[in-house]
Amino acid sequence: MAVVDSILIFVLSLLVGTVGILAGVRLVVDRDAGFANAAMTALIGAIAWAITSFFVGWVPILGVLLMLAVWVGVINWRYPGGWGTAVAIGFVAWIVAVALVYAFAVIGFVTPDALGIPDV
């Protein structure tokens, strides 16, 4: 059953990240991002976050800032507009992700920590 739970959490996390990035791109860049492109960005961003976390996540403050910079860097690489645009997309994505996790928690589908959203 743990494998099924892990797969479900992975799929939900990817879906939440995808919807967040999609909303961020549509709001900030004002263009259709495409679901597949947003999903690939969410997946690459999650992998980059995890790798960075493995190497520097234990460093107080600096580790988290580096992880965040790498994640925003993935967004910057995948979408036009530069670093400022990427930060704005990431901020919108984070707000949307928090709202979705909250909604899932309110209806009792998951606990907020299950989806791995930072600082929820």
PDB file of N, CA and C in Angstrom:
ATOM      1  N   MET A   1       0.814  -1.191   0.000  1.00  0.00           N
ATOM      2  CA  MET A   1       0.000   0.000   0.000  1.00  0.00           C
ATOM      3  C   MET A   1       0.861   1.260   0.000  1.00  0.00           C
ATOM      4  N   ALA A   2       2.059   1.195   0.578  1.00  0.00           N
ATOM      5  CA  ALA A   2       2.946   2.356   0.623  1.00  0.00           C
ATOM      6  C   ALA A   2       3.366   2.787  -0.783  1.00  0.00           C
ATOM      7  N   VAL A   3       3.531   1.831  -1.677  1.00  0.00           N
ATOM      8  CA  VAL A   3       3.906   2.159  -3.057  1.00  0.00           C
ATOM      9  C   VAL A   3       2.773   2.921  -3.734  1.00  0.00           C
ATOM     10  N   VAL A   4       1.543   2.479  -3.532  1.00  0.00           N
ATOM     11  CA  VAL A   4       0.381   3.151  -4.112  1.00  0.00           C
ATOM     12  C   VAL A   4       0.271   4.574  -3.555  1.00  0.00           C
ATOM     13  N   ASP A   5       0.468   4.719  -2.247  1.00  0.00           N
ATOM     14  CA  ASP A   5       0.426   6.046  -1.629  1.00  0.00           C
ATOM     15  C   ASP A   5       1.508   6.952  -2.211  1.00  0.00           C
ATOM     16  N   SER A   6       2.705   6.423  -2.379  1.00  0.00           N
ATOM     17  CA  SER A   6       3.805   7.217  -2.941  1.00  0.00           C
ATOM     18  C   SER A   6       3.506   7.647  -4.367  1.00  0.00           C
ATOM     19  N   ILE A   7       2.952   6.751  -5.156  1.00  0.00           N
ATOM     20  CA  ILE A   7       2.601   7.090  -6.538  1.00  0.00           C
ATOM     21  C   ILE A   7       1.516   8.158  -6.558  1.00  0.00           C
ATOM     22  N   LEU A   8       0.517   8.015  -5.704  1.00  0.00           N
ATOM     23  CA  LEU A   8      -0.562   8.996  -5.630  1.00  0.00           C
ATOM     24  C   LEU A   8      -0.028  10.374  -5.224  1.00  0.00           C
ATOM     25  N   ILE A   9       0.834  10.413  -4.227  1.00  0.00           N
ATOM     26  CA  ILE A   9       1.413  11.678  -3.780  1.00  0.00           C
ATOM     27  C   ILE A   9       2.251  12.304  -4.900  1.00  0.00           C
ATOM     28  N   PHE A  10       3.029  11.483  -5.605  1.00  0.00           N
ATOM     29  CA  PHE A  10       3.829  11.995  -6.718  1.00  0.00           C
ATOM     30  C   PHE A  10       2.932  12.598  -7.795  1.00  0.00           C
ATOM     31  N   VAL A  11       1.881  11.879  -8.179  1.00  0.00           N
ATOM     32  CA  VAL A  11       0.979  12.361  -9.228  1.00  0.00           C
ATOM     33  C   VAL A  11       0.267  13.640  -8.791  1.00  0.00           C
ATOM     34  N   LEU A  12      -0.223  13.670  -7.560  1.00  0.00           N
ATOM     35  CA  LEU A  12      -0.888  14.874  -7.054  1.00  0.00           C
ATOM     36  C   LEU A  12       0.080  16.051  -6.974  1.00  0.00           C
ATOM     37  N   SER A  13       1.291  15.799  -6.525  1.00  0.00           N
ATOM     38  CA  SER A  13       2.285  16.865  -6.436  1.00  0.00           C
ATOM     39  C   SER A  13       2.623  17.405  -7.815  1.00  0.00           C
ATOM     40  N   LEU A  14       2.783  16.512  -8.784  1.00  0.00           N
ATOM     41  CA  LEU A  14       3.071  16.946 -10.147  1.00  0.00           C
ATOM     42  C   LEU A  14       1.901  17.737 -10.716  1.00  0.00           C
ATOM     43  N   LEU A  15       0.687  17.281 -10.448  1.00  0.00           N
ATOM     44  CA  LEU A  15      -0.500  17.987 -10.930  1.00  0.00           C
ATOM     45  C   LEU A  15      -0.615  19.377 -10.301  1.00  0.00           C
ATOM     46  N   VAL A  16      -0.388  19.468  -8.998  1.00  0.00           N
ATOM     47  CA  VAL A  16      -0.452  20.758  -8.305  1.00  0.00           C
ATOM     48  C   VAL A  16       0.620  21.702  -8.850  1.00  0.00           C
ATOM     49  N   GLY A  17       1.841  21.199  -9.018  1.00  0.00           N
ATOM     50  CA  GLY A  17       2.911  22.024  -9.563  1.00  0.00           C
ATOM     51  C   GLY A  17       2.624  22.467 -10.984  1.00  0.00           C
ATOM     52  N   THR A  18       2.073  21.567 -11.769  1.00  0.00           N
ATOM     53  CA  THR A  18       1.727  21.889 -13.159  1.00  0.00           C
ATOM     54  C   THR A  18       0.673  22.980 -13.226  1.00  0.00           C
ATOM     55  N   VAL A  19      -0.384  22.838 -12.449  1.00  0.00           N
ATOM     56  CA  VAL A  19      -1.457  23.836 -12.442  1.00  0.00           C
ATOM     57  C   VAL A  19      -0.919  25.184 -11.960  1.00  0.00           C
ATOM     58  N   GLY A  20      -0.061  25.155 -10.947  1.00  0.00           N
ATOM     59  CA  GLY A  20       0.530  26.394 -10.440  1.00  0.00           C
ATOM     60  C   GLY A  20       1.376  27.097 -11.486  1.00  0.00           C
ATOM     61  N   ILE A  21       2.235  26.358 -12.152  1.00  0.00           N
ATOM     62  CA  ILE A  21       3.093  26.952 -13.183  1.00  0.00           C
ATOM     63  C   ILE A  21       2.252  27.430 -14.355  1.00  0.00           C
ATOM     64  N   LEU A  22       1.273  26.646 -14.737  1.00  0.00           N
ATOM     65  CA  LEU A  22       0.383  27.036 -15.831  1.00  0.00           C
ATOM     66  C   LEU A  22      -0.319  28.354 -15.501  1.00  0.00           C
ATOM     67  N   ALA A  23      -0.826  28.483 -14.295  1.00  0.00           N
ATOM     68  CA  ALA A  23      -1.483  29.722 -13.875  1.00  0.00           C
ATOM     69  C   ALA A  23      -0.493  30.879 -13.857  1.00  0.00           C
ATOM     70  N   GLY A  24       0.710  30.632 -13.360  1.00  0.00           N
ATOM     71  CA  GLY A  24       1.726  31.676 -13.321  1.00  0.00           C
ATOM     72  C   GLY A  24       2.102  32.185 -14.699  1.00  0.00           C
ATOM     73  N   VAL A  25       2.293  31.277 -15.635  1.00  0.00           N
ATOM     74  CA  VAL A  25       2.658  31.679 -16.994  1.00  0.00           C
ATOM     75  C   VAL A  25       1.521  32.448 -17.650  1.00  0.00           C
ATOM     76  N   ARG A  26       0.312  31.952 -17.485  1.00  0.00           N
ATOM     77  CA  ARG A  26      -0.830  32.639 -18.105  1.00  0.00           C
ATOM     78  C   ARG A  26      -1.045  34.019 -17.507  1.00  0.00           C
ATOM     79  N   LEU A  27      -0.808  34.172 -16.215  1.00  0.00           N
ATOM     80  CA  LEU A  27      -1.006  35.466 -15.569  1.00  0.00           C
ATOM     81  C   LEU A  27       0.144  36.427 -15.849  1.00  0.00           C
ATOM     82  N   VAL A  28       1.372  35.953 -15.750  1.00  0.00           N
ATOM     83  CA  VAL A  28       2.539  36.828 -15.849  1.00  0.00           C
ATOM     84  C   VAL A  28       2.958  37.072 -17.297  1.00  0.00           C
ATOM     85  N   VAL A  29       3.045  36.012 -18.084  1.00  0.00           N
ATOM     86  CA  VAL A  29       3.518  36.144 -19.461  1.00  0.00           C
ATOM     87  C   VAL A  29       2.356  36.422 -20.403  1.00  0.00           C
ATOM     88  N   ASP A  30       1.150  36.124 -19.953  1.00  0.00           N
ATOM     89  CA  ASP A  30      -0.065  36.362 -20.725  1.00  0.00           C
ATOM     90  C   ASP A  30      -0.058  35.619 -22.057  1.00  0.00           C
ATOM     91  N   ARG A  31       0.248  34.327 -21.967  1.00  0.00           N
ATOM     92  CA  ARG A  31       0.164  33.489 -23.152  1.00  0.00           C
ATOM     93  C   ARG A  31      -0.161  32.076 -22.722  1.00  0.00           C
ATOM     94  N   ASP A  32      -0.627  31.290 -23.660  1.00  0.00           N
ATOM     95  CA  ASP A  32      -0.971  29.908 -23.370  1.00  0.00           C
ATOM     96  C   ASP A  32       0.317  29.118 -23.186  1.00  0.00           C
ATOM     97  N   ALA A  33       0.504  28.581 -22.011  1.00  0.00           N
ATOM     98  CA  ALA A  33       1.732  27.855 -21.703  1.00  0.00           C
ATOM     99  C   ALA A  33       1.688  26.431 -22.222  1.00  0.00           C
ATOM    100  N   GLY A  34       0.512  25.855 -22.301  1.00  0.00           N
ATOM    101  CA  GLY A  34       0.379  24.456 -22.667  1.00  0.00           C
ATOM    102  C   GLY A  34       0.572  23.571 -21.454  1.00  0.00           C
ATOM    103  N   PHE A  35      -0.358  22.665 -21.248  1.00  0.00           N
ATOM    104  CA  PHE A  35      -0.323  21.799 -20.070  1.00  0.00           C
ATOM    105  C   PHE A  35       0.924  20.921 -20.060  1.00  0.00           C
ATOM    106  N   ALA A  36       1.289  20.363 -21.216  1.00  0.00           N
ATOM    107  CA  ALA A  36       2.451  19.467 -21.288  1.00  0.00           C
ATOM    108  C   ALA A  36       3.744  20.219 -20.954  1.00  0.00           C
ATOM    109  N   ASN A  37       3.874  21.449 -21.444  1.00  0.00           N
ATOM    110  CA  ASN A  37       5.065  22.246 -21.154  1.00  0.00           C
ATOM    111  C   ASN A  37       5.137  22.584 -19.662  1.00  0.00           C
ATOM    112  N   ALA A  38       4.001  22.942 -19.076  1.00  0.00           N
ATOM    113  CA  ALA A  38       3.969  23.244 -17.641  1.00  0.00           C
ATOM    114  C   ALA A  38       4.281  21.989 -16.818  1.00  0.00           C
ATOM    115  N   ALA A  39       3.774  20.841 -17.247  1.00  0.00           N
ATOM    116  CA  ALA A  39       4.056  19.587 -16.542  1.00  0.00           C
ATOM    117  C   ALA A  39       5.540  19.238 -16.618  1.00  0.00           C
ATOM    118  N   MET A  40       6.147  19.435 -17.788  1.00  0.00           N
ATOM    119  CA  MET A  40       7.573  19.155 -17.929  1.00  0.00           C
ATOM    120  C   MET A  40       8.391  20.114 -17.073  1.00  0.00           C
ATOM    121  N   THR A  41       7.983  21.368 -17.026  1.00  0.00           N
ATOM    122  CA  THR A  41       8.667  22.354 -16.186  1.00  0.00           C
ATOM    123  C   THR A  41       8.541  21.971 -14.715  1.00  0.00           C
ATOM    124  N   ALA A  42       7.353  21.555 -14.301  1.00  0.00           N
ATOM    125  CA  ALA A  42       7.142  21.133 -12.913  1.00  0.00           C
ATOM    126  C   ALA A  42       8.003  19.918 -12.580  1.00  0.00           C
ATOM    127  N   LEU A  43       8.081  18.971 -13.499  1.00  0.00           N
ATOM    128  CA  LEU A  43       8.880  17.765 -13.263  1.00  0.00           C
ATOM    129  C   LEU A  43      10.370  18.092 -13.188  1.00  0.00           C
ATOM    130  N   ILE A  44      10.869  18.856 -14.151  1.00  0.00           N
ATOM    131  CA  ILE A  44      12.291  19.230 -14.150  1.00  0.00           C
ATOM    132  C   ILE A  44      12.609  20.075 -12.916  1.00  0.00           C
ATOM    133  N   GLY A  45      11.708  20.990 -12.578  1.00  0.00           N
ATOM    134  CA  GLY A  45      11.904  21.822 -11.397  1.00  0.00           C
ATOM    135  C   GLY A  45      11.957  21.007 -10.115  1.00  0.00           C
ATOM    136  N   ALA A  46      11.091  20.015 -10.008  1.00  0.00           N
ATOM    137  CA  ALA A  46      11.083  19.155  -8.823  1.00  0.00           C
ATOM    138  C   ALA A  46      12.366  18.338  -8.723  1.00  0.00           C
ATOM    139  N   ILE A  47      12.831  17.835  -9.850  1.00  0.00           N
ATOM    140  CA  ILE A  47      14.080  17.063  -9.860  1.00  0.00           C
ATOM    141  C   ILE A  47      15.257  17.962  -9.493  1.00  0.00           C
ATOM    142  N   ALA A  48      15.298  19.160 -10.080  1.00  0.00           N
ATOM    143  CA  ALA A  48      16.377  20.105  -9.775  1.00  0.00           C
ATOM    144  C   ALA A  48      16.349  20.502  -8.302  1.00  0.00           C
ATOM    145  N   TRP A  49      15.146  20.732  -7.764  1.00  0.00           N
ATOM    146  CA  TRP A  49      14.984  21.070  -6.343  1.00  0.00           C
ATOM    147  C   TRP A  49      15.513  19.925  -5.471  1.00  0.00           C
ATOM    148  N   ALA A  50      15.149  18.687  -5.818  1.00  0.00           N
ATOM    149  CA  ALA A  50      15.556  17.528  -5.021  1.00  0.00           C
ATOM    150  C   ALA A  50      17.075  17.338  -5.049  1.00  0.00           C
ATOM    151  N   ILE A  51      17.677  17.482  -6.215  1.00  0.00           N
ATOM    152  CA  ILE A  51      19.134  17.317  -6.323  1.00  0.00           C
ATOM    153  C   ILE A  51      19.849  18.409  -5.528  1.00  0.00           C
ATOM    154  N   THR A  52      19.397  19.640  -5.678  1.00  0.00           N
ATOM    155  CA  THR A  52      20.002  20.743  -4.938  1.00  0.00           C
ATOM    156  C   THR A  52      19.808  20.545  -3.440  1.00  0.00           C
ATOM    157  N   SER A  53      18.632  20.085  -3.052  1.00  0.00           N
ATOM    158  CA  SER A  53      18.343  19.820  -1.645  1.00  0.00           C
ATOM    159  C   SER A  53      19.286  18.759  -1.075  1.00  0.00           C
ATOM    160  N   PHE A  54      19.570  17.741  -1.869  1.00  0.00           N
ATOM    161  CA  PHE A  54      20.464  16.672  -1.427  1.00  0.00           C
ATOM    162  C   PHE A  54      21.849  17.211  -1.099  1.00  0.00           C
ATOM    163  N   PHE A  55      22.334  18.128  -1.943  1.00  0.00           N
ATOM    164  CA  PHE A  55      23.694  18.627  -1.769  1.00  0.00           C
ATOM    165  C   PHE A  55      23.814  19.806  -0.810  1.00  0.00           C
ATOM    166  N   VAL A  56      22.854  20.716  -0.812  1.00  0.00           N
ATOM    167  CA  VAL A  56      22.992  21.911   0.019  1.00  0.00           C
ATOM    168  C   VAL A  56      21.783  22.199   0.902  1.00  0.00           C
ATOM    169  N   GLY A  57      20.793  21.335   0.874  1.00  0.00           N
ATOM    170  CA  GLY A  57      19.573  21.575   1.640  1.00  0.00           C
ATOM    171  C   GLY A  57      19.785  21.662   3.133  1.00  0.00           C
ATOM    172  N   TRP A  58      20.833  21.066   3.618  1.00  0.00           N
ATOM    173  CA  TRP A  58      21.117  21.060   5.052  1.00  0.00           C
ATOM    174  C   TRP A  58      21.731  22.374   5.534  1.00  0.00           C
ATOM    175  N   VAL A  59      22.204  23.214   4.609  1.00  0.00           N
ATOM    176  CA  VAL A  59      22.831  24.482   4.986  1.00  0.00           C
ATOM    177  C   VAL A  59      21.734  25.475   5.366  1.00  0.00           C
ATOM    178  N   PRO A  60      21.759  25.970   6.608  1.00  0.00           N
ATOM    179  CA  PRO A  60      20.709  26.894   7.023  1.00  0.00           C
ATOM    180  C   PRO A  60      20.627  28.125   6.114  1.00  0.00           C
ATOM    181  N   ILE A  61      19.463  28.514   5.776  1.00  0.00           N
ATOM    182  CA  ILE A  61      19.084  29.671   4.954  1.00  0.00           C
ATOM    183  C   ILE A  61      19.676  29.594   3.547  1.00  0.00           C
ATOM    184  N   LEU A  62      20.975  29.488   3.425  1.00  0.00           N
ATOM    185  CA  LEU A  62      21.620  29.459   2.112  1.00  0.00           C
ATOM    186  C   LEU A  62      21.152  28.263   1.289  1.00  0.00           C
ATOM    187  N   GLY A  63      20.981  27.110   1.923  1.00  0.00           N
ATOM    188  CA  GLY A  63      20.530  25.916   1.209  1.00  0.00           C
ATOM    189  C   GLY A  63      19.163  26.114   0.585  1.00  0.00           C
ATOM    190  N   VAL A  64      18.240  26.642   1.351  1.00  0.00           N
ATOM    191  CA  VAL A  64      16.887  26.875   0.851  1.00  0.00           C
ATOM    192  C   VAL A  64      16.903  27.932  -0.252  1.00  0.00           C
ATOM    193  N   LEU A  65      17.691  28.973  -0.065  1.00  0.00           N
ATOM    194  CA  LEU A  65      17.779  30.017  -1.095  1.00  0.00           C
ATOM    195  C   LEU A  65      18.367  29.472  -2.394  1.00  0.00           C
ATOM    196  N   LEU A  66      19.370  28.616  -2.303  1.00  0.00           N
ATOM    197  CA  LEU A  66      19.945  27.996  -3.501  1.00  0.00           C
ATOM    198  C   LEU A  66      18.938  27.071  -4.183  1.00  0.00           C
ATOM    199  N   MET A  67      18.191  26.315  -3.391  1.00  0.00           N
ATOM    200  CA  MET A  67      17.172  25.432  -3.948  1.00  0.00           C
ATOM    201  C   MET A  67      16.119  26.250  -4.690  1.00  0.00           C
ATOM    202  N   LEU A  68      15.698  27.336  -4.089  1.00  0.00           N
ATOM    203  CA  LEU A  68      14.708  28.217  -4.711  1.00  0.00           C
ATOM    204  C   LEU A  68      15.271  28.845  -5.989  1.00  0.00           C
ATOM    205  N   ALA A  69      16.528  29.272  -5.957  1.00  0.00           N
ATOM    206  CA  ALA A  69      17.154  29.875  -7.138  1.00  0.00           C
ATOM    207  C   ALA A  69      17.248  28.870  -8.284  1.00  0.00           C
ATOM    208  N   VAL A  70      17.549  27.633  -7.972  1.00  0.00           N
ATOM    209  CA  VAL A  70      17.618  26.603  -9.013  1.00  0.00           C
ATOM    210  C   VAL A  70      16.232  26.364  -9.600  1.00  0.00           C
ATOM    211  N   TRP A  71      15.206  26.291  -8.759  1.00  0.00           N
ATOM    212  CA  TRP A  71      13.834  26.082  -9.238  1.00  0.00           C
ATOM    213  C   TRP A  71      13.385  27.237 -10.130  1.00  0.00           C
ATOM    214  N   VAL A  72      13.664  28.474  -9.696  1.00  0.00           N
ATOM    215  CA  VAL A  72      13.325  29.640 -10.516  1.00  0.00           C
ATOM    216  C   VAL A  72      14.152  29.625 -11.803  1.00  0.00           C
ATOM    217  N   GLY A  73      15.391  29.144 -11.711  1.00  0.00           N
ATOM    218  CA  GLY A  73      16.230  29.020 -12.901  1.00  0.00           C
ATOM    219  C   GLY A  73      15.633  28.085 -13.940  1.00  0.00           C
ATOM    220  N   VAL A  74      15.014  27.018 -13.489  1.00  0.00           N
ATOM    221  CA  VAL A  74      14.338  26.103 -14.418  1.00  0.00           C
ATOM    222  C   VAL A  74      13.186  26.824 -15.110  1.00  0.00           C
ATOM    223  N   ILE A  75      12.415  27.573 -14.354  1.00  0.00           N
ATOM    224  CA  ILE A  75      11.310  28.345 -14.947  1.00  0.00           C
ATOM    225  C   ILE A  75      11.868  29.355 -15.945  1.00  0.00           C
ATOM    226  N   ASN A  76      12.954  30.024 -15.583  1.00  0.00           N
ATOM    227  CA  ASN A  76      13.586  31.005 -16.466  1.00  0.00           C
ATOM    228  C   ASN A  76      14.058  30.348 -17.766  1.00  0.00           C
ATOM    229  N   TRP A  77      14.580  29.150 -17.660  1.00  0.00           N
ATOM    230  CA  TRP A  77      15.060  28.411 -18.819  1.00  0.00           C
ATOM    231  C   TRP A  77      13.916  27.984 -19.733  1.00  0.00           C
ATOM    232  N   ARG A  78      12.780  27.622 -19.135  1.00  0.00           N
ATOM    233  CA  ARG A  78      11.666  27.064 -19.899  1.00  0.00           C
ATOM    234  C   ARG A  78      10.720  28.111 -20.491  1.00  0.00           C
ATOM    235  N   TYR A  79      10.723  29.330 -19.945  1.00  0.00           N
ATOM    236  CA  TYR A  79       9.778  30.351 -20.397  1.00  0.00           C
ATOM    237  C   TYR A  79      10.504  31.658 -20.696  1.00  0.00           C
ATOM    238  N   PRO A  80       9.957  32.467 -21.605  1.00  0.00           N
ATOM    239  CA  PRO A  80      10.601  33.732 -21.958  1.00  0.00           C
ATOM    240  C   PRO A  80      10.388  34.799 -20.886  1.00  0.00           C
ATOM    241  N   GLY A  81      11.269  35.798 -20.898  1.00  0.00           N
ATOM    242  CA  GLY A  81      11.027  36.952 -20.048  1.00  0.00           C
ATOM    243  C   GLY A  81      12.111  37.258 -19.043  1.00  0.00           C
ATOM    244  N   GLY A  82      13.048  36.411 -18.816  1.00  0.00           N
ATOM    245  CA  GLY A  82      14.129  36.695 -17.880  1.00  0.00           C
ATOM    246  C   GLY A  82      13.821  36.305 -16.447  1.00  0.00           C
ATOM    247  N   TRP A  83      14.758  36.679 -15.561  1.00  0.00           N
ATOM    248  CA  TRP A  83      14.676  36.265 -14.164  1.00  0.00           C
ATOM    249  C   TRP A  83      13.504  36.890 -13.418  1.00  0.00           C
ATOM    250  N   GLY A  84      13.217  38.143 -13.688  1.00  0.00           N
ATOM    251  CA  GLY A  84      12.087  38.787 -13.010  1.00  0.00           C
ATOM    252  C   GLY A  84      10.772  38.109 -13.332  1.00  0.00           C
ATOM    253  N   THR A  85      10.600  37.774 -14.589  1.00  0.00           N
ATOM    254  CA  THR A  85       9.396  37.054 -15.015  1.00  0.00           C
ATOM    255  C   THR A  85       9.342  35.679 -14.361  1.00  0.00           C
ATOM    256  N   ALA A  86      10.486  35.005 -14.314  1.00  0.00           N
ATOM    257  CA  ALA A  86      10.529  33.673 -13.706  1.00  0.00           C
ATOM    258  C   ALA A  86      10.183  33.724 -12.221  1.00  0.00           C
ATOM    259  N   VAL A  87      10.672  34.743 -11.520  1.00  0.00           N
ATOM    260  CA  VAL A  87      10.337  34.910 -10.101  1.00  0.00           C
ATOM    261  C   VAL A  87       8.837  35.135  -9.947  1.00  0.00           C
ATOM    262  N   ALA A  88       8.264  35.969 -10.799  1.00  0.00           N
ATOM    263  CA  ALA A  88       6.817  36.239 -10.725  1.00  0.00           C
ATOM    264  C   ALA A  88       6.017  34.980 -11.015  1.00  0.00           C
ATOM    265  N   ILE A  89       6.416  34.212 -12.027  1.00  0.00           N
ATOM    266  CA  ILE A  89       5.736  32.951 -12.335  1.00  0.00           C
ATOM    267  C   ILE A  89       5.833  32.005 -11.145  1.00  0.00           C
ATOM    268  N   GLY A  90       7.019  31.901 -10.555  1.00  0.00           N
ATOM    269  CA  GLY A  90       7.204  31.039  -9.393  1.00  0.00           C
ATOM    270  C   GLY A  90       6.363  31.462  -8.211  1.00  0.00           C
ATOM    271  N   PHE A  91       6.241  32.756  -7.998  1.00  0.00           N
ATOM    272  CA  PHE A  91       5.428  33.259  -6.885  1.00  0.00           C
ATOM    273  C   PHE A  91       3.958  32.915  -7.089  1.00  0.00           C
ATOM    274  N   VAL A  92       3.461  33.149  -8.286  1.00  0.00           N
ATOM    275  CA  VAL A  92       2.065  32.794  -8.586  1.00  0.00           C
ATOM    276  C   VAL A  92       1.874  31.286  -8.450  1.00  0.00           C
ATOM    277  N   ALA A  93       2.831  30.511  -8.960  1.00  0.00           N
ATOM    278  CA  ALA A  93       2.738  29.049  -8.864  1.00  0.00           C
ATOM    279  C   ALA A  93       2.670  28.607  -7.406  1.00  0.00           C
ATOM    280  N   TRP A  94       3.462  29.240  -6.546  1.00  0.00           N
ATOM    281  CA  TRP A  94       3.462  28.878  -5.137  1.00  0.00           C
ATOM    282  C   TRP A  94       2.114  29.201  -4.493  1.00  0.00           C
ATOM    283  N   ILE A  95       1.565  30.383  -4.795  1.00  0.00           N
ATOM    284  CA  ILE A  95       0.257  30.764  -4.230  1.00  0.00           C
ATOM    285  C   ILE A  95      -0.821  29.781  -4.682  1.00  0.00           C
ATOM    286  N   VAL A  96      -0.832  29.445  -5.962  1.00  0.00           N
ATOM    287  CA  VAL A  96      -1.832  28.503  -6.486  1.00  0.00           C
ATOM    288  C   VAL A  96      -1.655  27.136  -5.837  1.00  0.00           C
ATOM    289  N   ALA A  97      -0.408  26.698  -5.692  1.00  0.00           N
ATOM    290  CA  ALA A  97      -0.151  25.392  -5.076  1.00  0.00           C
ATOM    291  C   ALA A  97      -0.630  25.360  -3.631  1.00  0.00           C
ATOM    292  N   VAL A  98      -0.357  26.417  -2.886  1.00  0.00           N
ATOM    293  CA  VAL A  98      -0.821  26.488  -1.497  1.00  0.00           C
ATOM    294  C   VAL A  98      -2.343  26.438  -1.446  1.00  0.00           C
ATOM    295  N   ALA A  99      -2.998  27.161  -2.339  1.00  0.00           N
ATOM    296  CA  ALA A  99      -4.470  27.169  -2.368  1.00  0.00           C
ATOM    297  C   ALA A  99      -5.020  25.786  -2.703  1.00  0.00           C
ATOM    298  N   LEU A 100      -4.398  25.109  -3.656  1.00  0.00           N
ATOM    299  CA  LEU A 100      -4.860  23.761  -4.016  1.00  0.00           C
ATOM    300  C   LEU A 100      -4.659  22.765  -2.875  1.00  0.00           C
ATOM    301  N   VAL A 101      -3.498  22.824  -2.238  1.00  0.00           N
ATOM    302  CA  VAL A 101      -3.235  21.918  -1.110  1.00  0.00           C
ATOM    303  C   VAL A 101      -4.212  22.204   0.023  1.00  0.00           C
ATOM    304  N   TYR A 102      -4.475  23.467   0.269  1.00  0.00           N
ATOM    305  CA  TYR A 102      -5.449  23.832   1.299  1.00  0.00           C
ATOM    306  C   TYR A 102      -6.825  23.267   0.952  1.00  0.00           C
ATOM    307  N   ALA A 103      -7.217  23.401  -0.315  1.00  0.00           N
ATOM    308  CA  ALA A 103      -8.521  22.874  -0.738  1.00  0.00           C
ATOM    309  C   ALA A 103      -8.570  21.359  -0.570  1.00  0.00           C
ATOM    310  N   PHE A 104      -7.495  20.671  -0.947  1.00  0.00           N
ATOM    311  CA  PHE A 104      -7.441  19.212  -0.761  1.00  0.00           C
ATOM    312  C   PHE A 104      -7.536  18.845   0.720  1.00  0.00           C
ATOM    313  N   ALA A 105      -6.875  19.642   1.575  1.00  0.00           N
ATOM    314  CA  ALA A 105      -6.903  19.361   3.014  1.00  0.00           C
ATOM    315  C   ALA A 105      -8.280  19.628   3.603  1.00  0.00           C
ATOM    316  N   VAL A 106      -8.941  20.686   3.155  1.00  0.00           N
ATOM    317  CA  VAL A 106     -10.265  21.023   3.673  1.00  0.00           C
ATOM    318  C   VAL A 106     -11.269  19.918   3.365  1.00  0.00           C
ATOM    319  N   ILE A 107     -11.192  19.355   2.165  1.00  0.00           N
ATOM    320  CA  ILE A 107     -12.138  18.289   1.823  1.00  0.00           C
ATOM    321  C   ILE A 107     -11.697  16.930   2.373  1.00  0.00           C
ATOM    322  N   GLY A 108     -10.529  16.909   3.044  1.00  0.00           N
ATOM    323  CA  GLY A 108     -10.076  15.683   3.689  1.00  0.00           C
ATOM    324  C   GLY A 108      -9.401  14.700   2.756  1.00  0.00           C
ATOM    325  N   PHE A 109      -9.001  15.157   1.578  1.00  0.00           N
ATOM    326  CA  PHE A 109      -8.368  14.265   0.604  1.00  0.00           C
ATOM    327  C   PHE A 109      -6.933  13.952   0.988  1.00  0.00           C
ATOM    328  N   VAL A 110      -6.212  14.957   1.490  1.00  0.00           N
ATOM    329  CA  VAL A 110      -4.824  14.781   1.930  1.00  0.00           C
ATOM    330  C   VAL A 110      -4.569  15.689   3.122  1.00  0.00           C
ATOM    331  N   THR A 111      -3.420  15.479   3.755  1.00  0.00           N
ATOM    332  CA  THR A 111      -2.950  16.444   4.741  1.00  0.00           C
ATOM    333  C   THR A 111      -2.017  17.399   4.001  1.00  0.00           C
ATOM    334  N   PRO A 112      -1.905  18.647   4.438  1.00  0.00           N
ATOM    335  CA  PRO A 112      -1.082  19.611   3.709  1.00  0.00           C
ATOM    336  C   PRO A 112       0.363  19.172   3.509  1.00  0.00           C
ATOM    337  N   ASP A 113       0.938  18.487   4.472  1.00  0.00           N
ATOM    338  CA  ASP A 113       2.334  18.079   4.332  1.00  0.00           C
ATOM    339  C   ASP A 113       2.523  16.927   3.344  1.00  0.00           C
ATOM    340  N   ALA A 114       1.451  16.281   2.940  1.00  0.00           N
ATOM    341  CA  ALA A 114       1.558  15.132   2.033  1.00  0.00           C
ATOM    342  C   ALA A 114       2.071  15.528   0.662  1.00  0.00           C
ATOM    343  N   LEU A 115       1.756  16.731   0.230  1.00  0.00           N
ATOM    344  CA  LEU A 115       2.147  17.138  -1.126  1.00  0.00           C
ATOM    345  C   LEU A 115       3.492  17.839  -1.172  1.00  0.00           C
ATOM    346  N   GLY A 116       4.124  18.031  -0.040  1.00  0.00           N
ATOM    347  CA  GLY A 116       5.476  18.576  -0.028  1.00  0.00           C
ATOM    348  C   GLY A 116       5.606  20.017  -0.443  1.00  0.00           C
ATOM    349  N   ILE A 117       4.577  20.812  -0.245  1.00  0.00           N
ATOM    350  CA  ILE A 117       4.659  22.234  -0.566  1.00  0.00           C
ATOM    351  C   ILE A 117       5.432  22.921   0.560  1.00  0.00           C
ATOM    352  N   PRO A 118       6.497  23.674   0.238  1.00  0.00           N
ATOM    353  CA  PRO A 118       7.280  24.310   1.284  1.00  0.00           C
ATOM    354  C   PRO A 118       6.455  25.287   2.120  1.00  0.00           C
ATOM    355  N   ASP A 119       6.665  25.225   3.410  1.00  0.00           N
ATOM    356  CA  ASP A 119       6.100  26.164   4.376  1.00  0.00           C
ATOM    357  C   ASP A 119       4.582  26.184   4.442  1.00  0.00           C
ATOM    358  N   VAL A 120       3.937  25.058   4.194  1.00  0.00           N
ATOM    359  CA  VAL A 120       2.486  24.991   4.344  1.00  0.00           C
ATOM    360  C   VAL A 120       2.188  24.374   5.683  1.00  0.00           C
TER     361      VAL A 120
END
